[in-house]
Amino acid sequence: MTRYARITGTGSCLPPQRLTNADMVAMLAPRGVETSDEWIVERTGIRARHFVADGVYASDLAADACRKALEAAGAAASEIDLIIVATSTPDMVFPSTAAILQHKLGIAGCPVFDVQAVCSGFIYALTVADSLIRSGTASKALVVGSEIFSRLLDFNDRTTCVLFGDGAGAVVLEASDTPGILATDIHADGKHTGILCVPGHVSGGQILGDPLLKMDGQAVFKLAVGVLEDTARTVLAKAGKTTEDIDWLIPHQANIRIMLSTARKLKLPQDKVVVTVDEHGNTSAASIPLALDHAVRQGKVKRGDTLMLEGVGGGFTWGSVLLDF
């Protein structure tokens, strides 16, 4: 019997503090950084984002999202035999955020690890979990994206500091005898490292380099639109499907113009695109599972729907997953 992996539950977590564009304008003004709601919305589609409080870490957001996903799946934490956390903002240098999350969920023994592919992280993590379940190594996994990008932002740079937010999203992925994940496709090209990065690191107890996010927005936009169309068509071909089979496109929530441009290239109507970037900003590896959970809980995404998940992020990394929900 062929073994497949299916999503059986979704969950998400947003920190309580919600900052509108007006709040950001007020926060940045004393620094002499000028921006406006109109400027942000026109270029990105973002109207609000959430920031964590001091003392809150990626594992905290992940734990909340996981508990909700487990409840939705009707599963107990003790049944989980694999945890993969996609994050670029780990709690510590080591151990992995997944190990810390495992303890917070009250379980032990199963393999856990982090995946670092920035905004494509959840796509990478889901691809790995799918492979491990298909091979029989795992049967019930938690796949999580959790990020605290507010701590990487340069609040003197209006082109980046208004774009990002904090949050987490999680899914329970279970072995099944009916297809769930139909095909996956992941890629990277390290020559683009410089257009989106945080170039600092810790050495001898000091931060060397610049620990704040740097981005060449125009270069990222140009690259993202091209690779997202390519990976979408590739994963459809792998699954023997066409764009007409897609019920919902759930892209990485970075910029509404990139998202809608990809939909147009795939000839998908705008009303088939799940959009949460307006309320959450760019939450990096958390954005796709967060958007998926919100669409499920709003009654948009239903059992039996065919979903295209796709993302692109620093590295540069990119990829897609086609699945029957």
Protein backbone atom coordinates (compact mmCIF):
# COMPACT_ATOMS: atom_id res chain seq x y z
CA MET A 1 0.00 0.00 0.00
CA THR A 2 1.33 3.43 -0.95
CA ARG A 3 1.94 5.71 2.03
CA TYR A 4 1.05 9.40 1.82
CA ALA A 5 1.10 12.44 4.14
CA ARG A 6 -1.99 14.55 4.82
CA ILE A 7 -2.58 17.73 6.83
CA THR A 8 -5.11 16.87 9.54
CA GLY A 9 -5.03 20.05 11.59
CA THR A 10 -3.87 23.66 11.42
CA GLY A 11 -3.13 26.30 14.04
CA SER A 12 -1.60 29.77 14.33
CA CYS A 13 -0.54 32.39 16.84
CA LEU A 14 -0.21 36.16 16.62
CA PRO A 15 1.18 38.27 19.49
CA PRO A 16 -1.45 40.50 21.14
CA GLN A 17 0.28 43.77 20.18
CA ARG A 18 -1.12 44.91 16.82
CA LEU A 19 0.55 47.87 15.13
CA THR A 20 -1.31 49.63 12.33
CA ASN A 21 0.49 51.70 9.72
CA ALA A 22 -0.59 54.80 11.67
CA ASP A 23 1.09 53.32 14.77
CA MET A 24 4.27 52.75 12.77
CA VAL A 25 4.21 56.32 11.44
CA ALA A 26 3.91 57.63 15.01
CA MET A 27 6.71 55.33 16.23
CA LEU A 28 9.10 56.29 13.44
CA ALA A 29 8.46 60.05 13.41
CA PRO A 30 10.68 60.82 16.47
CA ARG A 31 13.54 59.08 14.62
CA GLY A 32 13.09 61.39 11.66
CA VAL A 33 11.91 58.49 9.49
CA GLU A 34 9.06 59.59 7.24
CA THR A 35 6.44 57.19 5.93
CA SER A 36 2.65 57.03 5.61
CA ASP A 37 -0.21 54.59 5.49
CA GLU A 38 -0.69 55.39 1.80
CA TRP A 39 2.99 54.76 0.98
CA ILE A 40 3.01 51.39 2.77
CA VAL A 41 -0.32 50.15 1.40
CA GLU A 42 0.43 51.17 -2.18
CA ARG A 43 3.77 49.37 -2.29
CA THR A 44 3.02 46.31 -0.14
CA GLY A 45 -0.67 45.94 0.71
CA ILE A 46 0.25 45.87 4.41
CA ARG A 47 -2.03 47.68 6.85
CA ALA A 48 -0.99 46.13 10.19
CA ARG A 49 1.44 43.69 11.80
CA HIS A 50 1.97 42.11 15.22
CA PHE A 51 5.06 42.45 17.44
CA VAL A 52 5.97 40.29 20.43
CA ALA A 53 6.58 41.63 23.93
CA ASP A 54 9.95 41.37 25.66
CA GLY A 55 10.59 37.86 26.95
CA VAL A 56 8.53 36.11 24.26
CA TYR A 57 10.37 33.77 21.92
CA ALA A 58 9.76 31.84 18.72
CA SER A 59 9.17 28.65 20.71
CA ASP A 60 6.38 30.37 22.67
CA LEU A 61 4.51 31.37 19.52
CA ALA A 62 5.16 27.93 18.04
CA ALA A 63 3.81 26.14 21.11
CA ASP A 64 0.54 28.07 20.97
CA ALA A 65 0.13 27.38 17.24
CA CYS A 66 0.94 23.68 17.75
CA ARG A 67 -1.61 23.24 20.54
CA LYS A 68 -4.30 24.68 18.27
CA ALA A 69 -3.22 22.44 15.38
CA LEU A 70 -3.27 19.37 17.63
CA GLU A 71 -6.75 20.26 18.86
CA ALA A 72 -7.97 20.70 15.27
CA ALA A 73 -6.48 17.32 14.33
CA GLY A 74 -7.99 15.61 17.37
CA ALA A 75 -4.50 14.49 18.33
CA ALA A 76 -2.51 14.47 21.56
CA ALA A 77 1.02 15.84 21.79
CA SER A 78 2.15 12.40 22.99
CA GLU A 79 1.27 10.98 19.55
CA ILE A 80 3.77 13.22 17.74
CA ASP A 81 6.87 11.43 16.49
CA LEU A 82 8.56 14.29 14.57
CA ILE A 83 8.84 18.06 15.00
CA ILE A 84 10.32 20.38 12.37
CA VAL A 85 10.45 24.12 13.04
CA ALA A 86 11.19 26.55 10.22
CA THR A 87 12.67 29.74 11.67
CA SER A 88 15.31 32.39 11.05
CA THR A 89 14.84 33.81 14.55
CA PRO A 90 15.61 30.90 16.91
CA ASP A 91 15.42 31.19 20.68
CA MET A 92 19.13 30.39 20.98
CA VAL A 93 22.17 29.69 18.84
CA PHE A 94 21.59 26.12 20.02
CA PRO A 95 19.82 23.91 20.89
CA SER A 96 17.20 24.05 18.17
CA THR A 97 13.95 25.88 18.72
CA ALA A 98 12.29 22.54 17.90
CA ALA A 99 13.93 20.97 20.97
CA ILE A 100 12.72 23.81 23.19
CA LEU A 101 9.26 23.52 21.64
CA GLN A 102 9.21 19.77 22.23
CA HIS A 103 9.78 20.32 25.95
CA LYS A 104 7.11 23.04 26.11
CA LEU A 105 4.64 20.59 24.58
CA GLY A 106 5.47 18.09 27.31
CA ILE A 107 6.88 15.34 25.10
CA ALA A 108 10.27 13.69 24.62
CA GLY A 109 12.04 11.07 22.55
CA CYS A 110 10.99 11.88 19.00
CA PRO A 111 13.41 13.52 16.54
CA VAL A 112 13.25 17.31 16.33
CA PHE A 113 15.18 19.88 14.33
CA ASP A 114 15.06 23.35 12.78
CA VAL A 115 15.07 24.26 9.09
CA GLN A 116 16.58 27.61 8.04
CA ALA A 117 15.39 28.67 4.60
CA VAL A 118 14.00 32.07 5.67
CA CYS A 119 10.63 32.80 4.02
CA SER A 120 10.67 29.47 2.15
CA GLY A 121 11.26 27.64 5.43
CA PHE A 122 7.79 26.17 5.82
CA ILE A 123 7.84 24.84 2.24
CA TYR A 124 11.22 23.20 2.94
CA ALA A 125 10.03 21.81 6.29
CA LEU A 126 6.82 20.41 4.81
CA THR A 127 8.81 18.78 2.00
CA VAL A 128 11.16 17.09 4.49
CA ALA A 129 8.30 15.94 6.74
CA ASP A 130 6.44 14.54 3.72
CA SER A 131 9.51 12.51 2.76
CA LEU A 132 10.01 11.17 6.29
CA ILE A 133 6.37 10.13 6.57
CA ARG A 134 6.34 8.49 3.14
CA SER A 135 9.48 6.54 4.05
CA GLY A 136 7.94 5.29 7.30
CA THR A 137 10.38 7.15 9.55
CA ALA A 138 7.52 9.18 11.06
CA SER A 139 3.74 8.85 11.21
CA LYS A 140 2.48 12.02 12.86
CA ALA A 141 4.49 15.23 12.62
CA LEU A 142 4.24 18.84 13.72
CA VAL A 143 5.52 21.17 11.00
CA VAL A 144 5.85 24.74 12.22
CA GLY A 145 6.90 28.17 10.99
CA SER A 146 7.64 30.63 13.79
CA GLU A 147 9.33 34.02 13.51
CA ILE A 148 10.13 37.14 15.52
CA PHE A 149 11.40 39.46 12.81
CA SER A 150 10.65 42.60 14.85
CA ARG A 151 13.98 42.00 16.61
CA LEU A 152 15.92 42.07 13.31
CA LEU A 153 14.51 45.34 11.99
CA ASP A 154 16.36 48.60 11.45
CA PHE A 155 13.82 51.21 12.49
CA ASN A 156 15.81 53.88 10.68
CA ASP A 157 15.14 52.16 7.34
CA ARG A 158 11.58 52.83 6.21
CA THR A 159 11.93 50.49 3.22
CA THR A 160 12.18 47.43 5.47
CA CYS A 161 10.98 48.15 9.01
CA VAL A 162 7.31 48.53 7.98
CA LEU A 163 7.23 45.21 6.13
CA PHE A 164 7.69 42.53 8.76
CA GLY A 165 5.78 41.12 11.71
CA ASP A 166 5.88 38.28 14.22
CA GLY A 167 3.78 35.13 14.32
CA ALA A 168 3.61 31.36 14.01
CA GLY A 169 1.67 28.77 12.07
CA ALA A 170 1.62 24.99 12.43
CA VAL A 171 0.15 21.89 10.84
CA VAL A 172 -0.23 18.29 11.96
CA LEU A 173 0.93 16.06 9.10
CA GLU A 174 -0.13 12.41 9.33
CA ALA A 175 0.49 9.21 7.41
CA SER A 176 -2.47 8.27 5.23
CA ASP A 177 -3.44 5.72 2.61
CA THR A 178 -5.07 8.49 0.55
CA PRO A 179 -3.07 11.25 -1.17
CA GLY A 180 -2.57 14.52 0.70
CA ILE A 181 0.68 16.11 -0.43
CA LEU A 182 0.72 15.48 -4.16
CA ALA A 183 4.11 16.94 -5.10
CA THR A 184 6.84 19.24 -3.80
CA ASP A 185 9.52 21.37 -5.42
CA ILE A 186 12.38 23.21 -3.67
CA HIS A 187 15.39 25.19 -4.94
CA ALA A 188 18.13 27.63 -3.91
CA ASP A 189 20.75 29.87 -5.47
CA GLY A 190 23.33 31.26 -3.06
CA LYS A 191 24.65 33.90 -5.45
CA HIS A 192 21.72 36.11 -4.39
CA THR A 193 22.71 36.14 -0.71
CA GLY A 194 23.38 39.88 -0.66
CA ILE A 195 19.94 41.11 -1.75
CA LEU A 196 18.20 39.88 1.42
CA CYS A 197 20.20 39.05 4.53
CA VAL A 198 21.10 39.76 8.14
CA PRO A 199 24.90 39.84 7.86
CA GLY A 200 25.85 39.88 11.54
CA HIS A 201 26.98 36.96 13.72
CA VAL A 202 28.13 36.26 17.26
CA SER A 203 31.83 35.72 17.99
CA GLY A 204 33.59 35.80 21.33
CA GLY A 205 30.50 37.18 23.02
CA GLN A 206 30.22 40.10 20.61
CA ILE A 207 28.11 40.81 17.55
CA LEU A 208 30.29 41.08 14.47
CA GLY A 209 28.91 42.72 11.34
CA ASP A 210 25.41 44.17 11.14
CA PRO A 211 22.68 42.20 12.98
CA LEU A 212 19.82 44.03 11.24
CA LEU A 213 17.90 43.07 8.11
CA LYS A 214 19.14 44.37 4.75
CA MET A 215 17.13 44.13 1.54
CA ASP A 216 17.33 45.29 -2.07
CA GLY A 217 13.59 45.48 -2.64
CA GLN A 218 13.64 45.84 -6.42
CA ALA A 219 16.02 42.92 -6.89
CA VAL A 220 13.94 40.73 -4.57
CA PHE A 221 10.72 41.63 -6.38
CA LYS A 222 12.16 40.84 -9.81
CA LEU A 223 13.60 37.51 -8.73
CA ALA A 224 10.55 36.44 -6.71
CA VAL A 225 8.00 36.86 -9.47
CA GLY A 226 10.01 34.73 -11.89
CA VAL A 227 10.90 31.83 -9.61
CA LEU A 228 7.41 31.60 -8.08
CA GLU A 229 5.83 31.07 -11.49
CA ASP A 230 8.48 28.50 -12.40
CA THR A 231 8.13 26.44 -9.23
CA ALA A 232 4.34 26.53 -9.42
CA ARG A 233 4.37 25.13 -12.95
CA THR A 234 6.99 22.54 -12.01
CA VAL A 235 5.05 21.17 -9.05
CA LEU A 236 1.86 21.02 -11.13
CA ALA A 237 3.70 19.01 -13.78
CA LYS A 238 5.09 16.64 -11.14
CA ALA A 239 1.54 15.99 -9.88
CA GLY A 240 0.02 15.72 -13.35
CA LYS A 241 -2.25 18.67 -12.62
CA THR A 242 -3.02 22.04 -14.25
CA THR A 243 -3.77 25.48 -12.87
CA GLU A 244 -7.47 24.71 -13.35
CA ASP A 245 -7.16 22.09 -10.60
CA ILE A 246 -6.09 24.71 -8.02
CA ASP A 247 -8.84 25.80 -5.63
CA TRP A 248 -6.62 28.11 -3.56
CA LEU A 249 -3.20 29.68 -4.01
CA ILE A 250 -1.60 30.31 -0.61
CA PRO A 251 1.63 32.19 -1.29
CA HIS A 252 4.22 33.56 1.09
CA GLN A 253 2.68 36.78 2.40
CA ALA A 254 5.39 39.32 1.59
CA ASN A 255 3.95 41.79 -0.87
CA ILE A 256 0.51 41.91 -2.46
CA ARG A 257 1.98 42.92 -5.82
CA ILE A 258 4.20 39.81 -5.95
CA MET A 259 1.29 37.59 -4.90
CA LEU A 260 -1.16 38.93 -7.46
CA SER A 261 1.47 39.01 -10.20
CA THR A 262 2.10 35.30 -9.65
CA ALA A 263 -1.63 34.59 -9.78
CA ARG A 264 -1.95 36.49 -13.07
CA LYS A 265 0.93 34.54 -14.60
CA LEU A 266 -0.82 31.32 -13.60
CA LYS A 267 -4.14 32.72 -14.91
CA LEU A 268 -5.72 32.32 -11.48
CA PRO A 269 -8.43 34.81 -10.48
CA GLN A 270 -7.64 37.08 -7.56
CA ASP A 271 -10.45 35.57 -5.50
CA LYS A 272 -8.55 32.25 -5.43
CA VAL A 273 -5.58 33.84 -3.63
CA VAL A 274 -5.50 33.67 0.18
CA VAL A 275 -4.35 37.08 1.43
CA THR A 276 -3.40 37.88 5.02
CA VAL A 277 -0.43 40.18 4.38
CA ASP A 278 -2.70 43.19 4.95
CA GLU A 279 -3.19 42.23 8.61
CA HIS A 280 0.00 40.34 9.44
CA GLY A 281 2.77 41.81 7.30
CA ASN A 282 5.61 39.53 6.25
CA THR A 283 6.05 36.87 8.94
CA SER A 284 8.70 34.97 6.97
CA ALA A 285 8.51 31.18 7.53
CA ALA A 286 5.30 31.62 9.54
CA SER A 287 3.35 33.35 6.78
CA ILE A 288 2.15 30.35 4.75
CA PRO A 289 0.92 28.17 7.65
CA LEU A 290 -0.53 31.27 9.33
CA ALA A 291 -2.45 32.17 6.15
CA LEU A 292 -3.56 28.55 5.72
CA ASP A 293 -4.92 28.38 9.27
CA HIS A 294 -6.82 31.65 8.92
CA ALA A 295 -8.35 30.50 5.61
CA VAL A 296 -9.41 27.19 7.19
CA ARG A 297 -10.95 28.83 10.25
CA GLN A 298 -12.76 31.41 8.09
CA GLY A 299 -14.35 28.57 6.13
CA LYS A 300 -12.60 29.43 2.87
CA VAL A 301 -10.38 26.36 2.60
CA LYS A 302 -12.40 23.18 2.97
CA ARG A 303 -11.66 19.47 3.01
CA GLY A 304 -11.12 18.21 -0.51
CA ASP A 305 -9.76 21.51 -1.84
CA THR A 306 -6.53 21.45 -3.84
CA LEU A 307 -4.02 23.97 -2.51
CA MET A 308 -0.87 25.45 -4.01
CA LEU A 309 1.55 26.67 -1.33
CA GLU A 310 4.61 28.58 -2.51
CA GLY A 311 7.31 30.77 -1.08
CA VAL A 312 10.54 32.60 -1.82
CA GLY A 313 13.07 33.90 0.66
CA GLY A 314 16.62 34.90 1.46
CA GLY A 315 19.33 32.58 0.27
CA PHE A 316 17.81 32.81 -2.27
CA THR A 317 15.47 29.89 -1.62
CA TRP A 318 12.15 29.08 -3.22
CA GLY A 319 9.70 26.22 -3.62
CA SER A 320 6.12 25.00 -3.70
CA VAL A 321 3.86 22.24 -2.42
CA LEU A 322 0.69 21.00 -4.10
CA LEU A 323 -1.71 19.17 -1.83
CA ASP A 324 -5.24 17.95 -1.39
CA PHE A 325 -6.54 19.31 1.90
